[in-house]
């Protein structure tokens, strides 16, 4: 099963993903992949980190302080650092884990062609996947699995519903 969480910015996609991962780990399933939590300073978002779900290794995905790299809004992407963490995490998950999670399949992440290739490898494998999907990429990816829209109304109950799809 491959599940894509989509929804408006701030709807809770990443929160639903994190809670779902926690519930799946409680079932003794081996979860790998990456999450991209916000980096905040004095209450303001200044960037995003990239974190390996299995090992906890962490790096910078994008930051307002980054001087070089592709720009998305006020952030510049550290492709080298992103790929260092994300590609090794996804390789490990593909080989060793029951379920792969990815937060997020979006513009920042797809500046890395290597990352996009790895995601396509996962999508074409028999591995189970749960990923947050930016709304601009729905048409490209919906054919690979089930699309679930996260809303402010359903975000609390979704993790319990989603885990039913995974063995």
C-alpha atoms as a PDB file:
ATOM      1  CA  UNK A   1       0.000   0.000   0.000  1.00  0.00           C
ATOM      2  CA  UNK A   2       1.173   3.479  -0.857  1.00  0.00           C
ATOM      3  CA  UNK A   3      -0.592   6.399   0.805  1.00  0.00           C
ATOM      4  CA  UNK A   4      -0.199  10.069   0.005  1.00  0.00           C
ATOM      5  CA  UNK A   5      -1.295  12.715   2.504  1.00  0.00           C
ATOM      6  CA  UNK A   6      -2.217  15.976   0.868  1.00  0.00           C
ATOM      7  CA  UNK A   7      -3.922  19.156   1.940  1.00  0.00           C
ATOM      8  CA  UNK A   8      -3.566  22.884   2.288  1.00  0.00           C
ATOM      9  CA  UNK A   9      -0.527  24.406   4.005  1.00  0.00           C
ATOM     10  CA  UNK A  10      -1.002  24.180   7.765  1.00  0.00           C
ATOM     11  CA  UNK A  11      -3.631  21.430   7.513  1.00  0.00           C
ATOM     12  CA  UNK A  12      -1.519  19.024   9.557  1.00  0.00           C
ATOM     13  CA  UNK A  13      -0.046  16.646   6.945  1.00  0.00           C
ATOM     14  CA  UNK A  14       3.318  16.355   8.674  1.00  0.00           C
ATOM     15  CA  UNK A  15       1.706  16.003  12.094  1.00  0.00           C
ATOM     16  CA  UNK A  16      -0.519  13.189  10.808  1.00  0.00           C
ATOM     17  CA  UNK A  17       2.543  11.494   9.290  1.00  0.00           C
ATOM     18  CA  UNK A  18       4.537  11.714  12.553  1.00  0.00           C
ATOM     19  CA  UNK A  19       1.639  10.367  14.639  1.00  0.00           C
ATOM     20  CA  UNK A  20       1.090   7.549  12.134  1.00  0.00           C
ATOM     21  CA  UNK A  21       4.794   6.617  12.296  1.00  0.00           C
ATOM     22  CA  UNK A  22       4.579   6.452  16.102  1.00  0.00           C
ATOM     23  CA  UNK A  23       1.528   4.157  15.926  1.00  0.00           C
ATOM     24  CA  UNK A  24       3.193   1.893  13.353  1.00  0.00           C
ATOM     25  CA  UNK A  25       6.342   1.622  15.495  1.00  0.00           C
ATOM     26  CA  UNK A  26       4.140   0.511  18.412  1.00  0.00           C
ATOM     27  CA  UNK A  27       3.141  -2.453  16.225  1.00  0.00           C
ATOM     28  CA  UNK A  28       6.830  -3.408  15.983  1.00  0.00           C
ATOM     29  CA  UNK A  29       7.054  -2.424  12.331  1.00  0.00           C
ATOM     30  CA  UNK A  30      10.413  -1.192  11.087  1.00  0.00           C
ATOM     31  CA  UNK A  31       9.939   2.353   9.745  1.00  0.00           C
ATOM     32  CA  UNK A  32      12.510   4.233   7.676  1.00  0.00           C
ATOM     33  CA  UNK A  33      12.642   7.326   5.533  1.00  0.00           C
ATOM     34  CA  UNK A  34      12.819  11.057   6.122  1.00  0.00           C
ATOM     35  CA  UNK A  35      10.900  13.867   7.739  1.00  0.00           C
ATOM     36  CA  UNK A  36      11.543  17.574   7.227  1.00  0.00           C
ATOM     37  CA  UNK A  37      10.658  19.443  10.427  1.00  0.00           C
ATOM     38  CA  UNK A  38      10.624  23.224  10.588  1.00  0.00           C
ATOM     39  CA  UNK A  39      13.541  25.062  12.149  1.00  0.00           C
ATOM     40  CA  UNK A  40      12.267  27.925  14.295  1.00  0.00           C
ATOM     41  CA  UNK A  41      14.075  30.779  15.971  1.00  0.00           C
ATOM     42  CA  UNK A  42      12.260  33.174  18.290  1.00  0.00           C
ATOM     43  CA  UNK A  43       8.920  31.875  17.033  1.00  0.00           C
ATOM     44  CA  UNK A  44       9.712  32.398  13.342  1.00  0.00           C
ATOM     45  CA  UNK A  45      10.341  29.661  10.792  1.00  0.00           C
ATOM     46  CA  UNK A  46      13.843  30.098   9.429  1.00  0.00           C
ATOM     47  CA  UNK A  47      14.208  26.806   7.584  1.00  0.00           C
ATOM     48  CA  UNK A  48      13.686  23.079   7.412  1.00  0.00           C
ATOM     49  CA  UNK A  49      15.866  20.222   8.563  1.00  0.00           C
ATOM     50  CA  UNK A  50      15.972  16.756   7.055  1.00  0.00           C
ATOM     51  CA  UNK A  51      15.969  13.859   9.500  1.00  0.00           C
ATOM     52  CA  UNK A  52      16.493  10.143   8.992  1.00  0.00           C
ATOM     53  CA  UNK A  53      13.534   8.500  10.752  1.00  0.00           C
ATOM     54  CA  UNK A  54      15.436   5.306  11.562  1.00  0.00           C
ATOM     55  CA  UNK A  55      18.842   6.613  12.705  1.00  0.00           C
ATOM     56  CA  UNK A  56      17.945  10.132  13.812  1.00  0.00           C
ATOM     57  CA  UNK A  57      20.745  11.646  11.681  1.00  0.00           C
ATOM     58  CA  UNK A  58      19.869  15.195  10.802  1.00  0.00           C
ATOM     59  CA  UNK A  59      20.959  17.931   8.416  1.00  0.00           C
ATOM     60  CA  UNK A  60      19.699  21.141   6.851  1.00  0.00           C
ATOM     61  CA  UNK A  61      17.273  21.010   3.928  1.00  0.00           C
ATOM     62  CA  UNK A  62      16.751  24.745   3.509  1.00  0.00           C
ATOM     63  CA  UNK A  63      17.375  27.934   5.428  1.00  0.00           C
ATOM     64  CA  UNK A  64      17.012  31.688   5.188  1.00  0.00           C
ATOM     65  CA  UNK A  65      20.734  31.813   6.108  1.00  0.00           C
ATOM     66  CA  UNK A  66      21.858  29.491   3.289  1.00  0.00           C
ATOM     67  CA  UNK A  67      23.943  31.532   0.808  1.00  0.00           C
ATOM     68  CA  UNK A  68      23.957  29.243  -2.232  1.00  0.00           C
ATOM     69  CA  UNK A  69      21.571  26.721  -3.746  1.00  0.00           C
ATOM     70  CA  UNK A  70      18.173  26.776  -5.413  1.00  0.00           C
ATOM     71  CA  UNK A  71      15.695  29.246  -3.952  1.00  0.00           C
ATOM     72  CA  UNK A  72      12.101  28.520  -2.907  1.00  0.00           C
ATOM     73  CA  UNK A  73      10.527  31.624  -1.445  1.00  0.00           C
ATOM     74  CA  UNK A  74      12.841  33.045   1.214  1.00  0.00           C
ATOM     75  CA  UNK A  75      14.750  29.767   1.611  1.00  0.00           C
ATOM     76  CA  UNK A  76      17.784  28.393  -0.181  1.00  0.00           C
ATOM     77  CA  UNK A  77      18.180  24.648  -0.407  1.00  0.00           C
ATOM     78  CA  UNK A  78      21.341  22.845   0.671  1.00  0.00           C
ATOM     79  CA  UNK A  79      21.158  20.075  -1.936  1.00  0.00           C
ATOM     80  CA  UNK A  80      24.384  18.376  -0.841  1.00  0.00           C
ATOM     81  CA  UNK A  81      23.286  18.142   2.800  1.00  0.00           C
ATOM     82  CA  UNK A  82      19.729  17.125   1.865  1.00  0.00           C
ATOM     83  CA  UNK A  83      20.957  14.362  -0.431  1.00  0.00           C
ATOM     84  CA  UNK A  84      23.518  13.165   2.145  1.00  0.00           C
ATOM     85  CA  UNK A  85      20.767  12.477   4.686  1.00  0.00           C
ATOM     86  CA  UNK A  86      17.768  11.695   2.482  1.00  0.00           C
ATOM     87  CA  UNK A  87      19.343   9.339  -0.038  1.00  0.00           C
ATOM     88  CA  UNK A  88      21.068   7.169   2.565  1.00  0.00           C
ATOM     89  CA  UNK A  89      17.868   7.072   4.675  1.00  0.00           C
ATOM     90  CA  UNK A  90      15.736   6.038   1.707  1.00  0.00           C
ATOM     91  CA  UNK A  91      18.291   3.454   0.523  1.00  0.00           C
ATOM     92  CA  UNK A  92      18.350   1.915   3.990  1.00  0.00           C
ATOM     93  CA  UNK A  93      14.539   1.932   4.215  1.00  0.00           C
ATOM     94  CA  UNK A  94      14.170   0.345   0.803  1.00  0.00           C
ATOM     95  CA  UNK A  95      16.450  -2.526   1.799  1.00  0.00           C
ATOM     96  CA  UNK A  96      15.603  -2.979   5.475  1.00  0.00           C
ATOM     97  CA  UNK A  97      12.269  -1.497   6.534  1.00  0.00           C
ATOM     98  CA  UNK A  98       8.638  -2.592   6.465  1.00  0.00           C
ATOM     99  CA  UNK A  99       7.312   0.869   5.659  1.00  0.00           C
ATOM    100  CA  UNK A 100       8.951   3.932   4.140  1.00  0.00           C
ATOM    101  CA  UNK A 101       7.841   7.439   5.050  1.00  0.00           C
ATOM    102  CA  UNK A 102       8.657  10.659   3.232  1.00  0.00           C
ATOM    103  CA  UNK A 103       7.842  14.188   4.331  1.00  0.00           C
ATOM    104  CA  UNK A 104       7.580  15.827   1.851  1.00  0.00           C
ATOM    105  CA  UNK A 105       7.288  15.205  -1.874  1.00  0.00           C
ATOM    106  CA  UNK A 106       7.414  18.855  -2.890  1.00  0.00           C
ATOM    107  CA  UNK A 107       9.245  21.614  -4.735  1.00  0.00           C
ATOM    108  CA  UNK A 108      12.201  21.919  -2.374  1.00  0.00           C
ATOM    109  CA  UNK A 109      12.880  18.198  -2.340  1.00  0.00           C
ATOM    110  CA  UNK A 110      12.461  17.759  -6.102  1.00  0.00           C
ATOM    111  CA  UNK A 111      15.273  20.205  -6.836  1.00  0.00           C
ATOM    112  CA  UNK A 112      17.279  17.023  -6.224  1.00  0.00           C
ATOM    113  CA  UNK A 113      16.958  14.807  -9.284  1.00  0.00           C
ATOM    114  CA  UNK A 114      18.642  11.999  -7.305  1.00  0.00           C
ATOM    115  CA  UNK A 115      15.923  12.268  -4.648  1.00  0.00           C
ATOM    116  CA  UNK A 116      13.171  12.166  -7.269  1.00  0.00           C
ATOM    117  CA  UNK A 117      14.784   9.091  -8.879  1.00  0.00           C
ATOM    118  CA  UNK A 118      14.926   7.367  -5.480  1.00  0.00           C
ATOM    119  CA  UNK A 119      11.256   8.195  -4.840  1.00  0.00           C
ATOM    120  CA  UNK A 120      10.321   6.711  -8.237  1.00  0.00           C
ATOM    121  CA  UNK A 121      12.325   3.580  -7.362  1.00  0.00           C
ATOM    122  CA  UNK A 122      10.311   3.285  -4.135  1.00  0.00           C
ATOM    123  CA  UNK A 123       7.019   3.890  -5.955  1.00  0.00           C
ATOM    124  CA  UNK A 124       7.829   1.139  -8.433  1.00  0.00           C
ATOM    125  CA  UNK A 125       8.836  -1.288  -5.682  1.00  0.00           C
ATOM    126  CA  UNK A 126       6.583  -3.479  -3.550  1.00  0.00           C
ATOM    127  CA  UNK A 127       7.516  -1.476  -0.426  1.00  0.00           C
ATOM    128  CA  UNK A 128       4.759   0.155   1.583  1.00  0.00           C
ATOM    129  CA  UNK A 129       4.924   3.952   1.656  1.00  0.00           C
ATOM    130  CA  UNK A 130       3.301   6.843   3.437  1.00  0.00           C
ATOM    131  CA  UNK A 131       4.262  10.293   2.156  1.00  0.00           C
ATOM    132  CA  UNK A 132       3.149  13.896   2.397  1.00  0.00           C
ATOM    133  CA  UNK A 133       2.488  15.105  -1.121  1.00  0.00           C
ATOM    134  CA  UNK A 134       2.467  18.781  -2.054  1.00  0.00           C
ATOM    135  CA  UNK A 135      -0.778  19.640  -3.830  1.00  0.00           C
ATOM    136  CA  UNK A 136       1.120  20.704  -6.987  1.00  0.00           C
ATOM    137  CA  UNK A 137       2.254  17.100  -7.494  1.00  0.00           C
ATOM    138  CA  UNK A 138      -1.061  15.282  -6.987  1.00  0.00           C
ATOM    139  CA  UNK A 139      -1.660  14.586 -10.684  1.00  0.00           C
ATOM    140  CA  UNK A 140       1.860  13.186 -11.119  1.00  0.00           C
ATOM    141  CA  UNK A 141       1.721  10.793  -8.156  1.00  0.00           C
ATOM    142  CA  UNK A 142      -1.909   9.819  -7.476  1.00  0.00           C
ATOM    143  CA  UNK A 143      -1.661   6.837  -9.858  1.00  0.00           C
ATOM    144  CA  UNK A 144       0.791   5.171  -7.454  1.00  0.00           C
ATOM    145  CA  UNK A 145      -1.494   4.874  -4.472  1.00  0.00           C
ATOM    146  CA  UNK A 146      -4.279   6.190  -2.291  1.00  0.00           C
ATOM    147  CA  UNK A 147      -4.693   9.932  -1.811  1.00  0.00           C
ATOM    148  CA  UNK A 148      -5.956  11.122   1.589  1.00  0.00           C
ATOM    149  CA  UNK A 149      -6.764  14.794   2.137  1.00  0.00           C
ATOM    150  CA  UNK A 150      -5.821  16.119   5.554  1.00  0.00           C
ATOM    151  CA  UNK A 151      -8.111  18.813   6.919  1.00  0.00           C
ATOM    152  CA  UNK A 152      -8.378  20.600  10.241  1.00  0.00           C
ATOM    153  CA  UNK A 153     -11.530  18.529  10.851  1.00  0.00           C
ATOM    154  CA  UNK A 154     -10.079  15.052  10.189  1.00  0.00           C
ATOM    155  CA  UNK A 155      -6.416  15.359  11.205  1.00  0.00           C
ATOM    156  CA  UNK A 156      -6.936  14.022  14.744  1.00  0.00           C
ATOM    157  CA  UNK A 157      -8.557  10.740  13.668  1.00  0.00           C
ATOM    158  CA  UNK A 158      -6.512  10.077  10.508  1.00  0.00           C
ATOM    159  CA  UNK A 159      -3.498   8.307  12.075  1.00  0.00           C
ATOM    160  CA  UNK A 160      -5.761   5.578  13.542  1.00  0.00           C
ATOM    161  CA  UNK A 161      -7.493   5.189  10.164  1.00  0.00           C
ATOM    162  CA  UNK A 162      -4.254   5.138   8.153  1.00  0.00           C
ATOM    163  CA  UNK A 163      -2.563   2.379  10.166  1.00  0.00           C
ATOM    164  CA  UNK A 164      -5.365   0.010   9.118  1.00  0.00           C
ATOM    165  CA  UNK A 165      -3.927   0.067   5.570  1.00  0.00           C
ATOM    166  CA  UNK A 166      -0.571  -1.325   6.682  1.00  0.00           C
ATOM    167  CA  UNK A 167       0.249  -4.893   7.631  1.00  0.00           C
END
